[in-house]
PDB file of N, CA and C in Angstrom:
ATOM      1  N   MET A   1      36.110 106.780-114.409  1.00  0.00           N
ATOM      2  CA  MET A   1      36.219 108.191-113.776  1.00  0.00           C
ATOM      3  C   MET A   1      37.187 108.061-112.632  1.00  0.00           C
ATOM      4  N   GLY A   2      38.012 109.226-112.557  1.00  0.00           N
ATOM      5  CA  GLY A   2      38.968 109.332-111.565  1.00  0.00           C
ATOM      6  C   GLY A   2      38.383 109.552-110.327  1.00  0.00           C
ATOM      7  N   SER A   3      39.198 109.350-109.162  1.00  0.00           N
ATOM      8  CA  SER A   3      38.646 109.692-107.889  1.00  0.00           C
ATOM      9  C   SER A   3      38.207 111.168-107.673  1.00  0.00           C
ATOM     10  N   SER A   4      38.723 112.088-108.333  1.00  0.00           N
ATOM     11  CA  SER A   4      38.149 113.180-108.103  1.00  0.00           C
ATOM     12  C   SER A   4      36.749 113.483-108.625  1.00  0.00           C
ATOM     13  N   GLY A   5      36.519 112.747-109.876  1.00  0.00           N
ATOM     14  CA  GLY A   5      35.143 112.605-110.372  1.00  0.00           C
ATOM     15  C   GLY A   5      34.160 111.885-109.405  1.00  0.00           C
ATOM     16  N   ILE A   6      34.579 110.967-108.758  1.00  0.00           N
ATOM     17  CA  ILE A   6      33.757 110.290-107.865  1.00  0.00           C
ATOM     18  C   ILE A   6      33.550 111.268-106.556  1.00  0.00           C
ATOM     19  N   ASN A   7      34.567 111.838-106.170  1.00  0.00           N
ATOM     20  CA  ASN A   7      34.337 112.737-105.070  1.00  0.00           C
ATOM     21  C   ASN A   7      33.307 113.803-105.322  1.00  0.00           C
ATOM     22  N   ALA A   8      33.451 114.451-106.511  1.00  0.00           N
ATOM     23  CA  ALA A   8      32.738 115.604-106.947  1.00  0.00           C
ATOM     24  C   ALA A   8      31.129 115.086-106.945  1.00  0.00           C
ATOM     25  N   GLU A   9      31.104 113.964-107.453  1.00  0.00           N
ATOM     26  CA  GLU A   9      29.678 113.211-107.534  1.00  0.00           C
ATOM     27  C   GLU A   9      29.100 113.000-106.307  1.00  0.00           C
ATOM     28  N   TYR A  10      30.013 112.559-105.343  1.00  0.00           N
ATOM     29  CA  TYR A  10      29.457 112.361-103.800  1.00  0.00           C
ATOM     30  C   TYR A  10      29.142 113.725-103.200  1.00  0.00           C
ATOM     31  N   MET A  11      29.962 114.711-103.270  1.00  0.00           N
ATOM     32  CA  MET A  11      29.656 115.993-102.817  1.00  0.00           C
ATOM     33  C   MET A  11      28.444 116.528-103.385  1.00  0.00           C
ATOM     34  N   GLY A  12      28.187 116.252-104.744  1.00  0.00           N
ATOM     35  CA  GLY A  12      26.984 116.939-105.207  1.00  0.00           C
ATOM     36  C   GLY A  12      25.657 116.121-104.750  1.00  0.00           C
ATOM     37  N   LYS A  13      25.681 114.967-104.436  1.00  0.00           N
ATOM     38  CA  LYS A  13      24.591 114.146-103.800  1.00  0.00           C
ATOM     39  C   LYS A  13      24.572 114.711-102.517  1.00  0.00           C
ATOM     40  N   GLN A  14      25.569 114.899-101.652  1.00  0.00           N
ATOM     41  CA  GLN A  14      25.458 115.280-100.191  1.00  0.00           C
ATOM     42  C   GLN A  14      24.655 116.741-100.321  1.00  0.00           C
ATOM     43  N   TRP A  15      25.221 117.660-101.462  1.00  0.00           N
ATOM     44  CA  TRP A  15      24.486 118.919-101.295  1.00  0.00           C
ATOM     45  C   TRP A  15      23.121 118.880-101.732  1.00  0.00           C
ATOM     46  N   TYR A  16      22.622 118.108-102.638  1.00  0.00           N
ATOM     47  CA  TYR A  16      21.442 117.785-102.918  1.00  0.00           C
ATOM     48  C   TYR A  16      20.566 117.298-101.804  1.00  0.00           C
ATOM     49  N   GLN A  17      20.827 116.535-101.148  1.00  0.00           N
ATOM     50  CA  GLN A  17      20.237 115.776 -99.998  1.00  0.00           C
ATOM     51  C   GLN A  17      20.111 116.996 -98.974  1.00  0.00           C
ATOM     52  N   ARG A  18      21.034 117.879 -98.534  1.00  0.00           N
ATOM     53  CA  ARG A  18      20.707 118.824 -97.693  1.00  0.00           C
ATOM     54  C   ARG A  18      19.722 119.796 -98.185  1.00  0.00           C
ATOM     55  N   ARG A  19      19.826 120.071 -99.495  1.00  0.00           N
ATOM     56  CA  ARG A  19      18.691 121.106-100.147  1.00  0.00           C
ATOM     57  C   ARG A  19      17.178 120.530-100.061  1.00  0.00           C
ATOM     58  N   VAL A  20      17.079 119.139 -99.985  1.00  0.00           N
ATOM     59  CA  VAL A  20      15.729 118.460-100.066  1.00  0.00           C
ATOM     60  C   VAL A  20      15.281 118.762 -98.612  1.00  0.00           C
ATOM     61  N   HIS A  21      16.177 118.646 -97.638  1.00  0.00           N
ATOM     62  CA  HIS A  21      15.637 118.933 -96.277  1.00  0.00           C
ATOM     63  C   HIS A  21      15.777 120.298 -95.730  1.00  0.00           C
ATOM     64  N   GLY A  22      16.132 121.153 -96.488  1.00  0.00           N
ATOM     65  CA  GLY A  22      16.503 122.437 -96.328  1.00  0.00           C
ATOM     66  C   GLY A  22      15.234 123.296 -95.894  1.00  0.00           C
ATOM     67  N   LYS A  23      14.177 123.167 -96.631  1.00  0.00           N
ATOM     68  CA  LYS A  23      13.020 124.005 -96.470  1.00  0.00           C
ATOM     69  C   LYS A  23      12.386 123.795 -95.065  1.00  0.00           C
ATOM     70  N   GLN A  24      12.492 122.402 -94.542  1.00  0.00           N
ATOM     71  CA  GLN A  24      12.096 122.012 -93.142  1.00  0.00           C
ATOM     72  C   GLN A  24      12.926 122.603 -92.102  1.00  0.00           C
ATOM     73  N   TRP A  25      14.222 122.810 -92.458  1.00  0.00           N
ATOM     74  CA  TRP A  25      15.238 123.407 -91.451  1.00  0.00           C
ATOM     75  C   TRP A  25      14.909 124.887 -91.333  1.00  0.00           C
ATOM     76  N   TYR A  26      14.782 125.525 -92.510  1.00  0.00           N
ATOM     77  CA  TYR A  26      14.199 126.926 -92.528  1.00  0.00           C
ATOM     78  C   TYR A  26      12.989 127.367 -91.848  1.00  0.00           C
ATOM     79  N   GLN A  27      12.112 126.378 -91.991  1.00  0.00           N
ATOM     80  CA  GLN A  27      10.729 126.762 -91.204  1.00  0.00           C
ATOM     81  C   GLN A  27      11.099 126.431 -89.847  1.00  0.00           C
ATOM     82  N   ARG A  28      11.714 125.477 -89.562  1.00  0.00           N
ATOM     83  CA  ARG A  28      11.979 125.164 -87.983  1.00  0.00           C
ATOM     84  C   ARG A  28      12.503 126.461 -87.240  1.00  0.00           C
ATOM     85  N   ARG A  29      13.538 127.038 -88.082  1.00  0.00           N
ATOM     86  CA  ARG A  29      13.990 128.343 -87.459  1.00  0.00           C
ATOM     87  C   ARG A  29      13.089 129.331 -87.202  1.00  0.00           C
ATOM     88  N   VAL A  30      12.206 129.511 -88.158  1.00  0.00           N
ATOM     89  CA  VAL A  30      11.101 130.512 -87.836  1.00  0.00           C
ATOM     90  C   VAL A  30      10.132 130.033 -86.660  1.00  0.00           C
ATOM     91  N   HIS A  31       9.567 129.028 -87.075  1.00  0.00           N
ATOM     92  CA  HIS A  31       8.599 128.360 -86.206  1.00  0.00           C
ATOM     93  C   HIS A  31       9.065 128.338 -84.769  1.00  0.00           C
ATOM     94  N   GLY A  32      10.330 127.930 -84.475  1.00  0.00           N
ATOM     95  CA  GLY A  32      10.763 128.080 -83.031  1.00  0.00           C
ATOM     96  C   GLY A  32      10.643 129.283 -82.418  1.00  0.00           C
ATOM     97  N   THR A  33      10.377 130.521 -83.086  1.00  0.00           N
ATOM     98  CA  THR A  33      10.211 131.907 -82.465  1.00  0.00           C
ATOM     99  C   THR A  33       8.626 132.065 -82.197  1.00  0.00           C
ATOM    100  N   TYR A  34       7.737 131.365 -82.811  1.00  0.00           N
ATOM    101  CA  TYR A  34       6.484 131.530 -82.455  1.00  0.00           C
ATOM    102  C   TYR A  34       5.804 131.495 -81.086  1.00  0.00           C
ATOM    103  N   PRO A  35       6.443 130.573 -80.275  1.00  0.00           N
ATOM    104  CA  PRO A  35       5.838 130.407 -78.979  1.00  0.00           C
ATOM    105  C   PRO A  35       6.381 131.568 -78.090  1.00  0.00           C
ATOM    106  N   ILE A  36       7.444 132.118 -78.491  1.00  0.00           N
ATOM    107  CA  ILE A  36       8.060 133.163 -77.782  1.00  0.00           C
ATOM    108  C   ILE A  36       7.185 134.465 -77.871  1.00  0.00           C
ATOM    109  N   GLY A  37       6.843 134.776 -79.137  1.00  0.00           N
ATOM    110  CA  GLY A  37       5.873 135.804 -79.447  1.00  0.00           C
ATOM    111  C   GLY A  37       4.569 135.616 -78.899  1.00  0.00           C
ATOM    112  N   TYR A  38       4.067 134.350 -78.875  1.00  0.00           N
ATOM    113  CA  TYR A  38       2.726 134.067 -78.280  1.00  0.00           C
ATOM    114  C   TYR A  38       2.495 134.208 -76.935  1.00  0.00           C
ATOM    115  N   TYR A  39       3.705 133.936 -76.301  1.00  0.00           N
ATOM    116  CA  TYR A  39       3.574 134.012 -74.757  1.00  0.00           C
ATOM    117  C   TYR A  39       4.077 135.352 -74.161  1.00  0.00           C
ATOM    118  N   LEU A  40       4.516 136.204 -74.940  1.00  0.00           N
ATOM    119  CA  LEU A  40       4.960 137.591 -74.472  1.00  0.00           C
ATOM    120  C   LEU A  40       3.691 138.384 -74.104  1.00  0.00           C
ATOM    121  N   PRO A  41       3.866 138.886 -72.835  1.00  0.00           N
ATOM    122  CA  PRO A  41       2.774 139.580 -72.416  1.00  0.00           C
ATOM    123  C   PRO A  41       2.306 140.756 -73.195  1.00  0.00           C
ATOM    124  N   GLU A  42       1.125 141.248 -73.340  1.00  0.00           N
ATOM    125  CA  GLU A  42       0.756 142.451 -74.008  1.00  0.00           C
ATOM    126  C   GLU A  42       1.356 143.567 -73.198  1.00  0.00           C
ATOM    127  N   SER A  43       1.607 143.581 -72.048  1.00  0.00           N
ATOM    128  CA  SER A  43       2.252 144.720 -71.433  1.00  0.00           C
ATOM    129  C   SER A  43       3.567 144.790 -71.754  1.00  0.00           C
ATOM    130  N   TYR A  44       4.241 143.990 -72.410  1.00  0.00           N
ATOM    131  CA  TYR A  44       5.694 144.087 -72.852  1.00  0.00           C
ATOM    132  C   TYR A  44       5.900 144.920 -73.849  1.00  0.00           C
ATOM    133  N   THR A  45       6.670 145.917 -73.406  1.00  0.00           N
ATOM    134  CA  THR A  45       6.717 147.134 -74.510  1.00  0.00           C
ATOM    135  C   THR A  45       7.480 146.869 -75.816  1.00  0.00           C
ATOM    136  N   GLN A  46       8.314 145.814 -75.677  1.00  0.00           N
ATOM    137  CA  GLN A  46       9.227 145.279 -76.885  1.00  0.00           C
ATOM    138  C   GLN A  46       8.594 144.423 -77.687  1.00  0.00           C
ATOM    139  N   LYS A  47       7.072 144.024 -77.455  1.00  0.00           N
ATOM    140  CA  LYS A  47       6.528 143.002 -78.247  1.00  0.00           C
ATOM    141  C   LYS A  47       6.527 143.494 -79.840  1.00  0.00           C
ATOM    142  N   ALA A  48       6.227 144.638 -79.975  1.00  0.00           N
ATOM    143  CA  ALA A  48       6.065 145.122 -81.591  1.00  0.00           C
ATOM    144  C   ALA A  48       7.418 144.954 -82.119  1.00  0.00           C
ATOM    145  N   LEU A  49       8.493 145.221 -81.384  1.00  0.00           N
ATOM    146  CA  LEU A  49      10.205 145.069 -82.007  1.00  0.00           C
ATOM    147  C   LEU A  49      10.207 143.639 -82.297  1.00  0.00           C
ATOM    148  N   PHE A  50       9.840 142.660 -81.343  1.00  0.00           N
ATOM    149  CA  PHE A  50      10.285 141.219 -81.592  1.00  0.00           C
ATOM    150  C   PHE A  50       9.249 140.920 -82.613  1.00  0.00           C
ATOM    151  N   GLU A  51       8.100 141.107 -82.829  1.00  0.00           N
ATOM    152  CA  GLU A  51       7.203 140.884 -84.041  1.00  0.00           C
ATOM    153  C   GLU A  51       7.947 141.374 -85.258  1.00  0.00           C
ATOM    154  N   ASP A  52       8.335 142.686 -85.287  1.00  0.00           N
ATOM    155  CA  ASP A  52       9.201 142.975 -86.514  1.00  0.00           C
ATOM    156  C   ASP A  52      10.449 142.218 -86.857  1.00  0.00           C
ATOM    157  N   LEU A  53      11.121 141.999 -85.821  1.00  0.00           N
ATOM    158  CA  LEU A  53      12.333 141.076 -86.003  1.00  0.00           C
ATOM    159  C   LEU A  53      11.893 139.679 -86.536  1.00  0.00           C
ATOM    160  N   GLN A  54      10.830 139.150 -85.864  1.00  0.00           N
ATOM    161  CA  GLN A  54      10.233 137.831 -86.390  1.00  0.00           C
ATOM    162  C   GLN A  54       9.972 137.903 -87.875  1.00  0.00           C
ATOM    163  N   GLN A  55       9.162 139.095 -88.311  1.00  0.00           N
ATOM    164  CA  GLN A  55       9.116 139.112 -89.853  1.00  0.00           C
ATOM    165  C   GLN A  55      10.114 139.249 -90.465  1.00  0.00           C
ATOM    166  N   GLN A  56      11.131 140.121 -90.119  1.00  0.00           N
ATOM    167  CA  GLN A  56      12.580 140.084 -90.690  1.00  0.00           C
ATOM    168  C   GLN A  56      13.168 138.588 -90.933  1.00  0.00           C
ATOM    169  N   LEU A  57      13.188 137.883 -89.892  1.00  0.00           N
ATOM    170  CA  LEU A  57      13.612 136.626 -89.949  1.00  0.00           C
ATOM    171  C   LEU A  57      12.818 135.453 -90.896  1.00  0.00           C
ATOM    172  N   GLU A  58      11.753 135.927 -90.938  1.00  0.00           N
ATOM    173  CA  GLU A  58      10.755 135.058 -91.978  1.00  0.00           C
ATOM    174  C   GLU A  58      11.231 135.399 -93.337  1.00  0.00           C
ATOM    175  N   LYS A  59      11.496 136.845 -93.602  1.00  0.00           N
ATOM    176  CA  LYS A  59      11.833 137.129 -94.946  1.00  0.00           C
ATOM    177  C   LYS A  59      13.320 136.526 -95.341  1.00  0.00           C
ATOM    178  N   HIS A  60      14.217 136.566 -94.213  1.00  0.00           N
ATOM    179  CA  HIS A  60      15.539 136.058 -94.494  1.00  0.00           C
ATOM    180  C   HIS A  60      15.530 134.457 -94.732  1.00  0.00           C
ATOM    181  N   THR A  61      14.619 133.844 -94.108  1.00  0.00           N
ATOM    182  CA  THR A  61      14.508 132.312 -94.295  1.00  0.00           C
ATOM    183  C   THR A  61      13.839 131.984 -95.673  1.00  0.00           C
ATOM    184  N   GLU A  62      12.814 132.930 -96.113  1.00  0.00           N
ATOM    185  CA  GLU A  62      12.384 132.737 -97.342  1.00  0.00           C
ATOM    186  C   GLU A  62      13.246 132.798 -98.368  1.00  0.00           C
ATOM    187  N   HIS A  63      14.119 133.969 -98.319  1.00  0.00           N
ATOM    188  CA  HIS A  63      15.206 134.267 -99.191  1.00  0.00           C
ATOM    189  C   HIS A  63      16.314 133.129 -99.152  1.00  0.00           C
ATOM    190  N   LEU A  64      16.443 132.506 -98.156  1.00  0.00           N
ATOM    191  CA  LEU A  64      17.470 131.491 -98.061  1.00  0.00           C
ATOM    192  C   LEU A  64      16.954 130.263 -98.860  1.00  0.00           C
ATOM    193  N   HIS A  65      15.636 129.965 -98.604  1.00  0.00           N
ATOM    194  CA  HIS A  65      14.921 128.891 -99.033  1.00  0.00           C
ATOM    195  C   HIS A  65      15.111 129.067-100.798  1.00  0.00           C
ATOM    196  N   GLU A  66      14.661 130.213-101.243  1.00  0.00           N
ATOM    197  CA  GLU A  66      14.865 130.672-102.576  1.00  0.00           C
ATOM    198  C   GLU A  66      16.240 130.372-103.141  1.00  0.00           C
ATOM    199  N   LEU A  67      17.238 130.675-102.436  1.00  0.00           N
ATOM    200  CA  LEU A  67      18.520 130.531-102.882  1.00  0.00           C
ATOM    201  C   LEU A  67      18.920 128.937-103.074  1.00  0.00           C
ATOM    202  N   SER A  68      18.337 128.274-102.085  1.00  0.00           N
ATOM    203  CA  SER A  68      18.675 126.989-102.205  1.00  0.00           C
ATOM    204  C   SER A  68      17.829 126.086-103.165  1.00  0.00           C
ATOM    205  N   GLU A  69      16.831 126.874-103.607  1.00  0.00           N
ATOM    206  CA  GLU A  69      16.036 126.035-104.580  1.00  0.00           C
ATOM    207  C   GLU A  69      16.593 126.294-106.139  1.00  0.00           C
ATOM    208  N   ARG A  70      17.533 126.943-106.242  1.00  0.00           N
ATOM    209  CA  ARG A  70      18.118 127.258-107.456  1.00  0.00           C
ATOM    210  C   ARG A  70      18.266 125.859-108.058  1.00  0.00           C
ATOM    211  N   ASP A  71      18.430 126.076-109.606  1.00  0.00           N
ATOM    212  CA  ASP A  71      18.785 124.722-110.364  1.00  0.00           C
ATOM    213  C   ASP A  71      20.109 124.009-110.006  1.00  0.00           C
ATOM    214  N   THR A  72      20.095 122.804-110.084  1.00  0.00           N
ATOM    215  CA  THR A  72      21.235 122.004-109.691  1.00  0.00           C
ATOM    216  C   THR A  72      22.429 122.467-110.327  1.00  0.00           C
ATOM    217  N   GLN A  73      22.433 122.884-111.562  1.00  0.00           N
ATOM    218  CA  GLN A  73      23.735 123.250-112.158  1.00  0.00           C
ATOM    219  C   GLN A  73      24.173 124.474-111.493  1.00  0.00           C
ATOM    220  N   ARG A  74      23.427 125.337-111.371  1.00  0.00           N
ATOM    221  CA  ARG A  74      23.891 126.603-110.727  1.00  0.00           C
ATOM    222  C   ARG A  74      24.437 126.335-109.379  1.00  0.00           C
ATOM    223  N   LEU A  75      23.687 125.483-108.644  1.00  0.00           N
ATOM    224  CA  LEU A  75      24.216 125.022-107.256  1.00  0.00           C
ATOM    225  C   LEU A  75      25.584 124.248-107.186  1.00  0.00           C
ATOM    226  N   ALA A  76      25.894 123.555-108.421  1.00  0.00           N
ATOM    227  CA  ALA A  76      27.015 123.113-108.566  1.00  0.00           C
ATOM    228  C   ALA A  76      28.403 124.051-108.273  1.00  0.00           C
ATOM    229  N   ASP A  77      27.965 125.213-108.765  1.00  0.00           N
ATOM    230  CA  ASP A  77      29.172 126.185-108.663  1.00  0.00           C
ATOM    231  C   ASP A  77      29.440 126.611-107.239  1.00  0.00           C
ATOM    232  N   ASN A  78      30.836 126.273-106.882  1.00  0.00           N
ATOM    233  CA  ASN A  78      31.198 126.766-105.479  1.00  0.00           C
ATOM    234  C   ASN A  78      30.734 128.099-105.075  1.00  0.00           C
ATOM    235  N   LYS A  79      31.075 129.041-106.003  1.00  0.00           N
ATOM    236  CA  LYS A  79      30.788 130.346-105.539  1.00  0.00           C
ATOM    237  C   LYS A  79      29.250 130.504-105.024  1.00  0.00           C
ATOM    238  N   VAL A  80      28.401 129.938-105.783  1.00  0.00           N
ATOM    239  CA  VAL A  80      26.953 129.813-105.418  1.00  0.00           C
ATOM    240  C   VAL A  80      26.681 129.108-104.112  1.00  0.00           C
ATOM    241  N   ARG A  81      27.344 128.117-104.000  1.00  0.00           N
ATOM    242  CA  ARG A  81      27.101 127.435-102.827  1.00  0.00           C
ATOM    243  C   ARG A  81      27.691 127.993-101.872  1.00  0.00           C
ATOM    244  N   GLN A  82      28.722 128.786-101.944  1.00  0.00           N
ATOM    245  CA  GLN A  82      29.440 129.633-100.755  1.00  0.00           C
ATOM    246  C   GLN A  82      28.406 130.798-100.433  1.00  0.00           C
ATOM    247  N   GLU A  83      27.657 131.433-101.478  1.00  0.00           N
ATOM    248  CA  GLU A  83      26.658 132.421-101.261  1.00  0.00           C
ATOM    249  C   GLU A  83      25.731 131.813-100.191  1.00  0.00           C
ATOM    250  N   VAL A  84      25.176 130.650-100.638  1.00  0.00           N
ATOM    251  CA  VAL A  84      23.962 129.996 -99.791  1.00  0.00           C
ATOM    252  C   VAL A  84      24.589 129.870 -98.397  1.00  0.00           C
ATOM    253  N   LYS A  85      25.661 129.301 -98.271  1.00  0.00           N
ATOM    254  CA  LYS A  85      26.394 128.971 -97.050  1.00  0.00           C
ATOM    255  C   LYS A  85      26.386 130.326 -96.033  1.00  0.00           C
ATOM    256  N   ASN A  86      27.026 131.465 -96.856  1.00  0.00           N
ATOM    257  CA  ASN A  86      27.012 132.457 -95.938  1.00  0.00           C
ATOM    258  C   ASN A  86      25.682 133.153 -95.430  1.00  0.00           C
ATOM    259  N   TYR A  87      24.746 132.968 -96.293  1.00  0.00           N
ATOM    260  CA  TYR A  87      23.480 133.475 -96.018  1.00  0.00           C
ATOM    261  C   TYR A  87      22.796 132.817 -94.978  1.00  0.00           C
ATOM    262  N   THR A  88      23.056 131.400 -94.872  1.00  0.00           N
ATOM    263  CA  THR A  88      22.602 130.453 -93.936  1.00  0.00           C
ATOM    264  C   THR A  88      23.305 130.904 -92.588  1.00  0.00           C
ATOM    265  N   ARG A  89      24.608 131.101 -92.534  1.00  0.00           N
ATOM    266  CA  ARG A  89      25.153 131.294 -91.346  1.00  0.00           C
ATOM    267  C   ARG A  89      24.720 132.804 -90.778  1.00  0.00           C
ATOM    268  N   CYS A  90      24.398 133.968 -91.723  1.00  0.00           N
ATOM    269  CA  CYS A  90      24.039 135.070 -91.271  1.00  0.00           C
ATOM    270  C   CYS A  90      22.631 135.012 -90.748  1.00  0.00           C
ATOM    271  N   THR A  91      21.808 134.222 -91.402  1.00  0.00           N
ATOM    272  CA  THR A  91      20.193 134.059 -91.087  1.00  0.00           C
ATOM    273  C   THR A  91      20.210 133.529 -89.668  1.00  0.00           C
ATOM    274  N   GLN A  92      21.061 132.396 -89.399  1.00  0.00           N
ATOM    275  CA  GLN A  92      21.220 131.616 -88.125  1.00  0.00           C
ATOM    276  C   GLN A  92      21.653 132.711 -87.019  1.00  0.00           C
ATOM    277  N   LYS A  93      22.738 133.348 -87.482  1.00  0.00           N
ATOM    278  CA  LYS A  93      23.335 134.382 -86.286  1.00  0.00           C
ATOM    279  C   LYS A  93      22.099 135.398 -86.025  1.00  0.00           C
ATOM    280  N   PHE A  94      21.315 135.873 -87.121  1.00  0.00           N
ATOM    281  CA  PHE A  94      20.316 136.857 -87.011  1.00  0.00           C
ATOM    282  C   PHE A  94      19.301 136.435 -85.999  1.00  0.00           C
ATOM    283  N   ARG A  95      18.830 135.036 -86.042  1.00  0.00           N
ATOM    284  CA  ARG A  95      17.751 134.374 -85.247  1.00  0.00           C
ATOM    285  C   ARG A  95      18.437 134.133 -83.861  1.00  0.00           C
ATOM    286  N   ASP A  96      19.708 133.669 -83.855  1.00  0.00           N
ATOM    287  CA  ASP A  96      20.205 133.648 -82.382  1.00  0.00           C
ATOM    288  C   ASP A  96      20.307 134.793 -81.723  1.00  0.00           C
ATOM    289  N   ASN A  97      20.916 135.717 -82.289  1.00  0.00           N
ATOM    290  CA  ASN A  97      20.703 137.108 -81.605  1.00  0.00           C
ATOM    291  C   ASN A  97      19.420 137.657 -81.080  1.00  0.00           C
ATOM    292  N   MET A  98      18.546 137.445 -81.983  1.00  0.00           N
ATOM    293  CA  MET A  98      17.133 137.981 -81.757  1.00  0.00           C
ATOM    294  C   MET A  98      16.618 137.141 -80.533  1.00  0.00           C
ATOM    295  N   VAL A  99      16.709 135.854 -80.537  1.00  0.00           N
ATOM    296  CA  VAL A  99      16.355 135.124 -79.424  1.00  0.00           C
ATOM    297  C   VAL A  99      16.953 135.424 -78.017  1.00  0.00           C
ATOM    298  N   LYS A 100      18.200 135.653 -78.080  1.00  0.00           N
ATOM    299  CA  LYS A 100      19.080 135.935 -77.024  1.00  0.00           C
ATOM    300  C   LYS A 100      18.711 137.339 -76.429  1.00  0.00           C
ATOM    301  N   GLY A 101      18.403 138.294 -77.359  1.00  0.00           N
ATOM    302  CA  GLY A 101      18.100 139.629 -77.041  1.00  0.00           C
ATOM    303  C   GLY A 101      16.774 139.666 -76.380  1.00  0.00           C
ATOM    304  N   VAL A 102      15.723 138.774 -76.858  1.00  0.00           N
ATOM    305  CA  VAL A 102      14.574 138.785 -76.202  1.00  0.00           C
ATOM    306  C   VAL A 102      14.495 138.174 -74.999  1.00  0.00           C
ATOM    307  N   GLU A 103      15.249 137.033 -74.667  1.00  0.00           N
ATOM    308  CA  GLU A 103      15.404 136.384 -73.283  1.00  0.00           C
ATOM    309  C   GLU A 103      15.935 137.344 -72.394  1.00  0.00           C
ATOM    310  N   GLU A 104      17.047 138.169 -72.807  1.00  0.00           N
ATOM    311  CA  GLU A 104      17.390 139.049 -71.748  1.00  0.00           C
ATOM    312  C   GLU A 104      16.394 140.062 -71.522  1.00  0.00           C
ATOM    313  N   GLU A 105      15.783 140.714 -72.476  1.00  0.00           N
ATOM    314  CA  GLU A 105      14.717 141.584 -72.311  1.00  0.00           C
ATOM    315  C   GLU A 105      13.578 141.039 -71.510  1.00  0.00           C
ATOM    316  N   ILE A 106      13.080 139.815 -71.600  1.00  0.00           N
ATOM    317  CA  ILE A 106      12.038 139.340 -70.951  1.00  0.00           C
ATOM    318  C   ILE A 106      12.400 139.032 -69.360  1.00  0.00           C
ATOM    319  N   ASN A 107      13.715 138.494 -69.139  1.00  0.00           N
ATOM    320  CA  ASN A 107      14.052 138.437 -67.914  1.00  0.00           C
ATOM    321  C   ASN A 107      14.074 139.891 -67.090  1.00  0.00           C
ATOM    322  N   THR A 108      14.466 140.851 -67.749  1.00  0.00           N
ATOM    323  CA  THR A 108      14.623 142.295 -67.075  1.00  0.00           C
ATOM    324  C   THR A 108      12.986 142.354 -66.727  1.00  0.00           C
ATOM    325  N   PHE A 109      12.115 142.299 -67.848  1.00  0.00           N
ATOM    326  CA  PHE A 109      10.708 142.700 -67.798  1.00  0.00           C
ATOM    327  C   PHE A 109      10.227 142.013 -66.499  1.00  0.00           C
ATOM    328  N   PHE A 110      10.248 140.663 -66.227  1.00  0.00           N
ATOM    329  CA  PHE A 110       9.780 139.848 -65.306  1.00  0.00           C
ATOM    330  C   PHE A 110      10.369 140.221 -63.822  1.00  0.00           C
ATOM    331  N   ASP A 111      11.606 140.613 -63.985  1.00  0.00           N
ATOM    332  CA  ASP A 111      12.247 141.145 -62.762  1.00  0.00           C
ATOM    333  C   ASP A 111      11.681 142.453 -62.194  1.00  0.00           C
ATOM    334  N   GLU A 112      11.340 143.373 -63.355  1.00  0.00           N
ATOM    335  CA  GLU A 112      10.665 144.438 -62.900  1.00  0.00           C
ATOM    336  C   GLU A 112       9.170 144.414 -62.755  1.00  0.00           C
ATOM    337  N   ASN A 113       8.412 143.364 -63.084  1.00  0.00           N
ATOM    338  CA  ASN A 113       7.057 143.165 -63.290  1.00  0.00           C
ATOM    339  C   ASN A 113       6.824 141.615 -62.642  1.00  0.00           C
ATOM    340  N   PRO A 114       7.205 141.248 -61.327  1.00  0.00           N
ATOM    341  CA  PRO A 114       7.007 139.908 -60.877  1.00  0.00           C
ATOM    342  C   PRO A 114       5.300 139.642 -60.974  1.00  0.00           C
ATOM    343  N   LEU A 115       5.236 138.275 -61.266  1.00  0.00           N
ATOM    344  CA  LEU A 115       3.930 137.758 -61.443  1.00  0.00           C
ATOM    345  C   LEU A 115       3.518 137.274 -59.975  1.00  0.00           C
ATOM    346  N   ASP A 116       2.599 138.002 -59.311  1.00  0.00           N
ATOM    347  CA  ASP A 116       2.044 137.941 -58.010  1.00  0.00           C
ATOM    348  C   ASP A 116       1.074 136.722 -57.720  1.00  0.00           C
ATOM    349  N   HIS A 117       0.465 136.374 -58.943  1.00  0.00           N
ATOM    350  CA  HIS A 117      -0.539 135.306 -58.883  1.00  0.00           C
ATOM    351  C   HIS A 117       0.060 133.829 -59.150  1.00  0.00           C
ATOM    352  N   ILE A 118       1.500 133.902 -59.165  1.00  0.00           N
ATOM    353  CA  ILE A 118       1.987 132.420 -59.299  1.00  0.00           C
ATOM    354  C   ILE A 118       2.471 132.079 -57.912  1.00  0.00           C
TER     355      ILE A 118
END
């Protein structure tokens, strides 16, 4: 087998290893938002929006997981792998923007509603 065949086999094994650990990665992306939602005060007016965004993130990560669970033959296609990579990047960007926006909103909320009991 030529060096390109060995390289392709090695790249395929790397891709498969990432797939095996992928579901845990996807779950951590969503699970990392749960404490934020749990500790949002009920008086926080954007809590429903956060919960909606969190639900959208769950749907995106579930779809991403489904994409990565395709059969190995399909995932060997560079076009399919690129689709998974792009969706992964977009999902991560969605999560990052969601968390950043919530952090900014929470800071504003607590600036306007200081906790007197602390």
